[in-house]
Protein backbone atom coordinates (compact mmCIF):
# COMPACT_ATOMS: atom_id res chain seq x y z
CA UNK A 1 1.83 -18.45 0.91
CA UNK A 2 1.53 -17.87 -2.36
CA UNK A 3 -1.77 -20.17 -2.96
CA UNK A 4 -3.22 -18.26 0.35
CA UNK A 5 -2.80 -14.61 -1.25
CA UNK A 6 -3.84 -15.72 -5.01
CA UNK A 7 -7.09 -17.95 -3.29
CA UNK A 8 -5.78 -20.77 -5.12
CA UNK A 9 -5.15 -24.06 -2.48
CA UNK A 10 -2.07 -25.93 -3.51
CA UNK A 11 -1.24 -29.62 -2.91
CA UNK A 12 1.74 -29.98 -0.90
CA UNK A 13 2.85 -32.93 0.83
CA UNK A 14 4.44 -31.78 4.11
CA UNK A 15 4.33 -35.26 5.79
CA UNK A 16 7.49 -36.20 3.88
CA UNK A 17 9.46 -33.45 5.53
CA UNK A 18 11.92 -34.92 8.56
CA UNK A 19 11.49 -33.94 12.06
CA UNK A 20 14.81 -31.10 12.16
CA UNK A 21 13.27 -30.33 9.16
CA UNK A 22 9.13 -29.99 10.91
CA UNK A 23 11.30 -27.54 13.59
CA UNK A 24 13.03 -25.21 11.58
CA UNK A 25 10.10 -24.69 8.81
CA UNK A 26 7.65 -24.14 12.17
CA UNK A 27 10.57 -21.45 12.80
CA UNK A 28 10.59 -19.77 9.97
CA UNK A 29 6.52 -19.53 9.66
CA UNK A 30 6.23 -18.29 13.87
CA UNK A 31 9.07 -15.77 13.30
CA UNK A 32 7.57 -14.54 10.30
CA UNK A 33 4.17 -14.89 11.40
CA UNK A 34 3.35 -16.63 8.52
CA UNK A 35 2.12 -19.65 9.87
CA UNK A 36 -1.48 -19.07 9.12
CA UNK A 37 -1.58 -17.48 6.08
CA UNK A 38 0.71 -20.83 5.69
CA UNK A 39 -2.07 -23.27 5.99
CA UNK A 40 -4.72 -20.96 4.73
CA UNK A 41 -2.68 -21.60 1.54
CA UNK A 42 -3.38 -25.62 1.63
CA UNK A 43 -6.33 -27.54 0.07
CA UNK A 44 -9.06 -28.38 2.69
CA UNK A 45 -7.78 -32.06 3.00
CA UNK A 46 -4.18 -31.98 3.19
CA UNK A 47 -3.44 -32.78 6.70
CA UNK A 48 -0.53 -30.68 8.49
CA UNK A 49 2.95 -32.71 10.32
CA UNK A 50 1.62 -32.69 14.10
CA UNK A 51 4.86 -30.24 15.21
CA UNK A 52 3.16 -27.94 11.97
CA UNK A 53 -0.23 -28.36 13.20
CA UNK A 54 0.45 -27.23 16.63
CA UNK A 55 2.28 -24.17 15.28
CA UNK A 56 -0.47 -23.67 13.04
CA UNK A 57 -3.32 -23.96 16.16
CA UNK A 58 -0.66 -21.54 18.10
CA UNK A 59 -0.51 -18.71 15.80
CA UNK A 60 -4.06 -18.51 15.28
CA UNK A 61 -4.86 -18.31 18.87
CA UNK A 62 -2.80 -15.99 19.76
CA UNK A 63 -4.04 -13.82 16.87
CA UNK A 64 -6.85 -14.30 17.86
CA UNK A 65 -6.27 -13.19 21.62
CA UNK A 66 -3.89 -10.36 20.90
CA UNK A 67 -5.74 -8.99 17.72
CA UNK A 68 -8.97 -9.18 19.32
CA UNK A 69 -7.85 -6.88 22.07
CA UNK A 70 -5.98 -4.67 19.67
CA UNK A 71 -9.67 -4.17 18.17
CA UNK A 72 -10.89 -2.78 21.26
CA UNK A 73 -8.27 -0.49 21.78
CA UNK A 74 -9.12 1.34 18.61
CA UNK A 75 -12.63 0.78 18.94
CA UNK A 76 -12.05 2.67 22.97
CA UNK A 77 -9.48 4.96 21.26
CA UNK A 78 -10.73 6.34 17.57
CA UNK A 79 -13.83 7.91 18.78
CA UNK A 80 -11.51 9.63 21.20
CA UNK A 81 -9.01 11.09 19.28
CA UNK A 82 -11.99 12.32 16.89
CA UNK A 83 -13.52 13.72 19.14
CA UNK A 84 -10.43 16.04 20.30
CA UNK A 85 -9.71 16.42 15.93
CA UNK A 86 -6.27 15.17 15.46
CA UNK A 87 -6.07 13.72 12.24
CA UNK A 88 -5.04 10.15 12.42
CA UNK A 89 -4.34 6.81 11.14
CA UNK A 90 -4.32 3.40 12.61
CA UNK A 91 -0.82 1.82 11.04
CA UNK A 92 -0.07 -2.56 10.50
CA UNK A 93 -2.20 -4.61 13.13
CA UNK A 94 -5.57 -6.08 12.42
CA UNK A 95 -7.07 -3.18 10.34
CA UNK A 96 -4.20 -3.57 7.97
CA UNK A 97 -4.30 -7.03 7.58
CA UNK A 98 -8.95 -6.81 7.00
CA UNK A 99 -7.75 -4.39 3.78
CA UNK A 100 -4.53 -7.17 2.60
CA UNK A 101 -5.89 -10.41 3.78
CA UNK A 102 -9.51 -10.18 3.67
CA UNK A 103 -9.38 -10.72 7.70
CA UNK A 104 -8.42 -9.79 10.81
CA UNK A 105 -7.14 -12.71 12.46
CA UNK A 106 -4.54 -13.17 9.46
CA UNK A 107 -1.29 -12.90 11.80
CA UNK A 108 -1.08 -11.99 16.09
CA UNK A 109 -0.67 -8.23 16.24
CA UNK A 110 0.78 -7.59 19.93
CA UNK A 111 0.41 -3.91 20.65
CA UNK A 112 -1.73 -0.62 18.15
CA UNK A 113 -0.06 1.45 16.36
CA UNK A 114 -0.87 4.76 15.80
CA UNK A 115 0.36 7.41 13.63
CA UNK A 116 0.07 11.31 14.00
CA UNK A 117 1.91 14.82 12.49
CA UNK A 118 4.04 15.92 15.18
CA UNK A 119 2.42 19.13 15.67
CA UNK A 120 -0.22 17.17 17.17
CA UNK A 121 2.11 14.53 18.85
CA UNK A 122 1.65 15.94 22.63
CA UNK A 123 -2.23 16.21 22.38
CA UNK A 124 -2.85 13.27 20.66
CA UNK A 125 -0.61 11.82 23.54
CA UNK A 126 -2.88 13.52 26.11
CA UNK A 127 -5.72 12.02 24.76
CA UNK A 128 -4.24 8.60 25.23
CA UNK A 129 -3.42 9.06 28.39
CA UNK A 130 -6.78 10.87 29.36
CA UNK A 131 -7.82 7.02 28.95
CA UNK A 132 -5.84 5.11 31.54
CA UNK A 133 -2.55 4.82 30.09
CA UNK A 134 0.49 5.85 31.58
CA UNK A 135 4.24 6.92 29.87
CA UNK A 136 6.53 4.29 31.00
CA UNK A 137 9.85 6.97 32.21
CA UNK A 138 12.21 5.12 29.57
CA UNK A 139 10.35 6.05 26.53
CA UNK A 140 9.13 9.48 27.43
CA UNK A 141 13.44 10.18 27.20
CA UNK A 142 14.77 12.38 23.92
CA UNK A 143 15.86 9.26 22.30
CA UNK A 144 12.18 7.80 21.26
CA UNK A 145 10.30 11.08 21.51
CA UNK A 146 12.55 12.32 18.47
CA UNK A 147 14.84 9.72 16.79
CA UNK A 148 12.81 7.12 17.52
CA UNK A 149 9.41 8.62 16.62
CA UNK A 150 7.19 7.14 18.82
CA UNK A 151 6.19 6.36 22.29
CA UNK A 152 4.90 2.87 24.11
CA UNK A 153 2.01 3.90 25.98
CA UNK A 154 1.04 1.13 28.58
CA UNK A 155 -2.11 0.11 30.22
CA UNK A 156 -3.34 -1.39 33.53
CA UNK A 157 -6.76 -2.60 31.96
CA UNK A 158 -5.78 -6.39 30.80
CA UNK A 159 -8.56 -5.90 28.20
CA UNK A 160 -6.78 -3.47 26.05
CA UNK A 161 -3.30 -3.31 24.61
CA UNK A 162 -0.58 -1.35 24.58
CA UNK A 163 -0.09 1.84 21.60
CA UNK A 164 2.65 2.62 20.33
CA UNK A 165 2.09 6.30 19.40
CA UNK A 166 4.60 7.40 15.82
CA UNK A 167 5.22 10.98 14.76
CA UNK A 168 7.61 8.97 12.31
CA UNK A 169 7.71 6.03 9.90
CA UNK A 170 11.47 5.14 10.30
CA UNK A 171 14.09 4.76 12.43
CA UNK A 172 18.02 5.93 12.06
CA UNK A 173 19.65 3.58 9.89
CA UNK A 174 17.37 3.81 7.08
CA UNK A 175 16.27 6.44 5.19
CA UNK A 176 13.41 8.85 6.23
CA UNK A 177 10.43 9.39 4.42
CA UNK A 178 11.42 13.13 2.68
CA UNK A 179 7.65 13.90 4.04
CA UNK A 180 6.82 12.46 6.23
CA UNK A 181 2.92 14.08 6.80
CA UNK A 182 2.33 12.24 3.38
CA UNK A 183 1.10 8.80 5.22
CA UNK A 184 -1.92 10.25 6.86
CA UNK A 185 -3.15 11.68 3.44
CA UNK A 186 -6.12 10.37 1.65
CA UNK A 187 -6.73 7.09 4.34
CA UNK A 188 -8.39 4.18 3.64
CA UNK A 189 -11.83 3.64 6.26
CA UNK A 190 -12.74 0.75 7.63
CA UNK A 191 -15.68 -0.18 9.24
CA UNK A 192 -15.06 -1.47 13.25
CA UNK A 193 -18.52 -1.95 14.99
CA UNK A 194 -20.70 1.32 14.77
CA UNK A 195 -17.48 3.57 13.71
CA UNK A 196 -14.92 3.53 11.01
CA UNK A 197 -11.53 4.06 11.28
CA UNK A 198 -8.93 6.18 9.41
CA UNK A 199 -5.63 3.26 8.03
CA UNK A 200 -3.22 3.80 5.53
CA UNK A 201 -4.08 4.01 1.96
CA UNK A 202 -3.21 0.64 -0.64
CA UNK A 203 0.15 2.68 -1.22
CA UNK A 204 1.08 4.22 1.34
CA UNK A 205 0.62 0.62 3.38
CA UNK A 206 2.74 -0.99 0.75
CA UNK A 207 5.58 2.25 1.62
CA UNK A 208 4.97 1.25 5.17
CA UNK A 209 5.48 -2.31 4.66
CA UNK A 210 8.80 -1.96 2.21
CA UNK A 211 10.25 0.65 5.24
CA UNK A 212 9.60 -2.08 7.50
CA UNK A 213 11.31 -4.45 5.12
CA UNK A 214 14.52 -2.34 4.95
CA UNK A 215 14.70 -1.44 9.41
CA UNK A 216 14.04 -5.78 9.39
CA UNK A 217 17.31 -5.80 7.30
CA UNK A 218 19.36 -3.41 9.20
CA UNK A 219 18.25 -4.59 12.86
CA UNK A 220 18.84 -8.43 11.07
CA UNK A 221 15.04 -8.97 12.18
CA UNK A 222 12.69 -11.65 10.54
CA UNK A 223 11.29 -9.64 7.44
CA UNK A 224 8.92 -12.17 5.88
CA UNK A 225 5.34 -11.15 6.95
CA UNK A 226 6.28 -8.13 5.78
CA UNK A 227 6.85 -9.63 2.46
CA UNK A 228 3.31 -10.63 2.31
CA UNK A 229 1.83 -7.69 3.41
CA UNK A 230 3.31 -6.62 0.29
CA UNK A 231 2.25 -8.92 -2.30
CA UNK A 232 -1.17 -9.40 -1.07
CA UNK A 233 -1.77 -5.42 -1.72
CA UNK A 234 0.34 -5.29 -4.64
CA UNK A 235 -2.03 -7.98 -5.82
CA UNK A 236 -5.49 -5.29 -5.27
CA UNK A 237 -3.35 -2.07 -7.02
CA UNK A 238 -5.53 -1.44 -10.38
CA UNK A 239 -3.27 -0.17 -12.71
CA UNK A 240 -3.39 3.36 -11.99
CA UNK A 241 -2.75 2.52 -8.80
CA UNK A 242 0.17 1.16 -9.42
CA UNK A 243 1.28 4.19 -10.93
CA UNK A 244 0.86 6.49 -7.88
CA UNK A 245 2.84 4.04 -6.04
CA UNK A 246 5.65 4.74 -7.79
CA UNK A 247 5.03 8.26 -8.11
CA UNK A 248 4.72 8.08 -4.19
CA UNK A 249 7.45 6.65 -3.58
CA UNK A 250 9.92 8.78 -5.79
CA UNK A 251 8.06 11.94 -4.07
CA UNK A 252 9.33 10.19 -0.63
CA UNK A 253 13.04 8.86 -1.67
CA UNK A 254 12.10 5.82 -0.98
CA UNK A 255 12.34 4.62 -5.14
CA UNK A 256 15.44 2.32 -3.34
CA UNK A 257 13.02 1.00 -0.13
CA UNK A 258 10.26 0.16 -2.60
CA UNK A 259 12.62 -1.50 -5.28
CA UNK A 260 13.50 -3.98 -2.24
CA UNK A 261 10.17 -4.39 -0.98
CA UNK A 262 9.23 -5.36 -4.72
CA UNK A 263 12.37 -7.63 -4.87
CA UNK A 264 11.13 -9.68 -1.53
CA UNK A 265 7.71 -10.23 -2.69
CA UNK A 266 8.72 -11.39 -5.62
CA UNK A 267 11.60 -13.57 -4.83
CA UNK A 268 8.95 -14.93 -1.89
CA UNK A 269 5.78 -15.06 -3.72
CA UNK A 270 6.56 -14.57 -7.59
CA UNK A 271 3.51 -11.36 -7.31
CA UNK A 272 6.67 -9.81 -10.00
CA UNK A 273 5.68 -5.84 -10.86
CA UNK A 274 8.62 -3.41 -13.01
CA UNK A 275 8.89 0.54 -12.42
CA UNK A 276 8.22 2.27 -15.34
CA UNK A 277 11.91 3.85 -15.26
CA UNK A 278 14.55 0.46 -13.94
CA UNK A 279 16.19 2.26 -11.07
CA UNK A 280 19.46 1.13 -9.95
CA UNK A 281 19.47 -2.24 -8.74
CA UNK A 282 19.16 -2.43 -4.85
CA UNK A 283 21.57 -5.40 -3.44
CA UNK A 284 22.81 -6.02 -6.47
CA UNK A 285 25.40 -7.70 -4.62
CA UNK A 286 23.51 -9.77 -3.16
CA UNK A 287 22.41 -13.42 -4.53
CA UNK A 288 18.79 -14.45 -4.48
CA UNK A 289 19.22 -17.35 -2.11
CA UNK A 290 21.53 -14.72 0.69
CA UNK A 291 18.43 -12.52 0.15
CA UNK A 292 16.06 -15.12 1.21
CA UNK A 293 18.05 -15.81 4.50
CA UNK A 294 18.04 -12.48 4.87
CA UNK A 295 15.21 -12.38 5.13
CA UNK A 296 13.58 -15.64 6.72
CA UNK A 297 15.92 -16.39 8.48
CA UNK A 298 18.37 -13.78 9.94
CA UNK A 299 19.38 -15.40 12.81
CA UNK A 300 21.15 -18.60 11.08
CA UNK A 301 25.23 -18.42 11.65
CA UNK A 302 25.11 -19.06 7.39
CA UNK A 303 23.42 -15.53 6.43
CA UNK A 304 26.39 -13.24 4.96
CA UNK A 305 25.59 -10.11 6.49
CA UNK A 306 26.57 -6.72 4.58
CA UNK A 307 27.85 -3.82 6.59
CA UNK A 308 25.25 -2.08 7.46
CA UNK A 309 26.70 1.57 5.87
CA UNK A 310 26.04 -0.78 2.91
CA UNK A 311 22.93 -1.04 3.36
CA UNK A 312 22.19 2.55 4.25
CA UNK A 313 24.24 3.60 1.25
CA UNK A 314 22.44 0.91 -0.93
CA UNK A 315 18.81 1.73 0.50
CA UNK A 316 19.28 5.97 -0.55
CA UNK A 317 17.51 7.14 -3.65
CA UNK A 318 20.34 10.74 -3.98
CA UNK A 319 23.78 10.37 -2.55
CA UNK A 320 23.21 13.93 -1.00
CA UNK A 321 21.02 11.29 1.31
CA UNK A 322 23.74 9.50 2.83
CA UNK A 323 25.66 11.20 4.83
CA UNK A 324 22.11 13.37 6.14
CA UNK A 325 21.39 9.74 7.06
CA UNK A 326 24.91 8.56 8.62
CA UNK A 327 24.53 11.92 10.72
CA UNK A 328 21.26 11.14 12.05
CA UNK A 329 21.86 7.49 13.05
CA UNK A 330 25.54 9.00 15.04
CA UNK A 331 23.32 12.04 16.09
CA UNK A 332 20.71 9.11 17.53
CA UNK A 333 23.75 6.32 18.72
CA UNK A 334 25.06 9.61 21.53
CA UNK A 335 21.46 11.05 22.34
CA UNK A 336 20.64 7.19 23.39
CA UNK A 337 24.69 6.90 25.20
CA UNK A 338 23.90 9.64 27.28
CA UNK A 339 20.22 9.20 28.71
CA UNK A 340 21.60 5.51 29.46
CA UNK A 341 24.34 7.18 31.23
CA UNK A 342 22.40 9.46 33.08
CA UNK A 343 20.15 6.67 33.88
CA UNK A 344 22.91 4.43 35.18
CA UNK A 345 24.09 7.72 38.03
């Protein structure tokens, strides 16, 4: 996969891997959405074992199906949001993949994620609803709207994708960006047919990928795909942009989150950068091997998971952040339970 990012095809004989190993590797690639990148990194004359060949083919098919639907959805909604003078950026998905990998179809992406500020969230939601979408009742709850900072909007149109409308970029249990609105600044424009669609800037895209790594670890979900995004986008940064990344992380109080993402990218892909000033080591008690297991195979029985509060403590840049984030997470859980109790009556 490092070969795919560096565009230097590698010769790796996967035929020597036994059937059990192929199944394990296939599961790892599928769950981390890395199958297409892995295949892209192999020399053209290398032949994949049948099981891995099937998984790569399935991933390519899913990427084509899902991402094509996402692109059509974006072409439908982006002009409507622009016409309504609603500032927005499309985050993740095929447009982000085009920036990171030069390909709209590098990884399957099931939904379209759109970020707006909290001030225009209702207007943006009404705009999407006007395109024939519906807000499911569970997603209308205060827990979704306030604490998760997003709402899923569904459509019966099989040609369009579900839209996840966000005004927050992190969930309770992880450090919250100090100024979420900064993710909307200086967007990168991607041409899609006759329109240009705003997506995250290169710096903000890396920060968001690091935020996603942290969230995945807290929820014990595979994070390899996010580490690939970090590595690919680091390769495209100029020295000045890299300096801007460090400055942005400090401003957003995401230095530790960035450091975790950089460690993940270095472990998985050998793409290494260093902070101008070394911050405190994040998760220093966890070995590289242990962190790799947490990133790639979180459901494995032998993963030595730290407690979630220890993860949160490690990811907070300043001591005062920790009680604030704990209080926010507890409030979120109370709200969720109250809503679920009301639903059960």
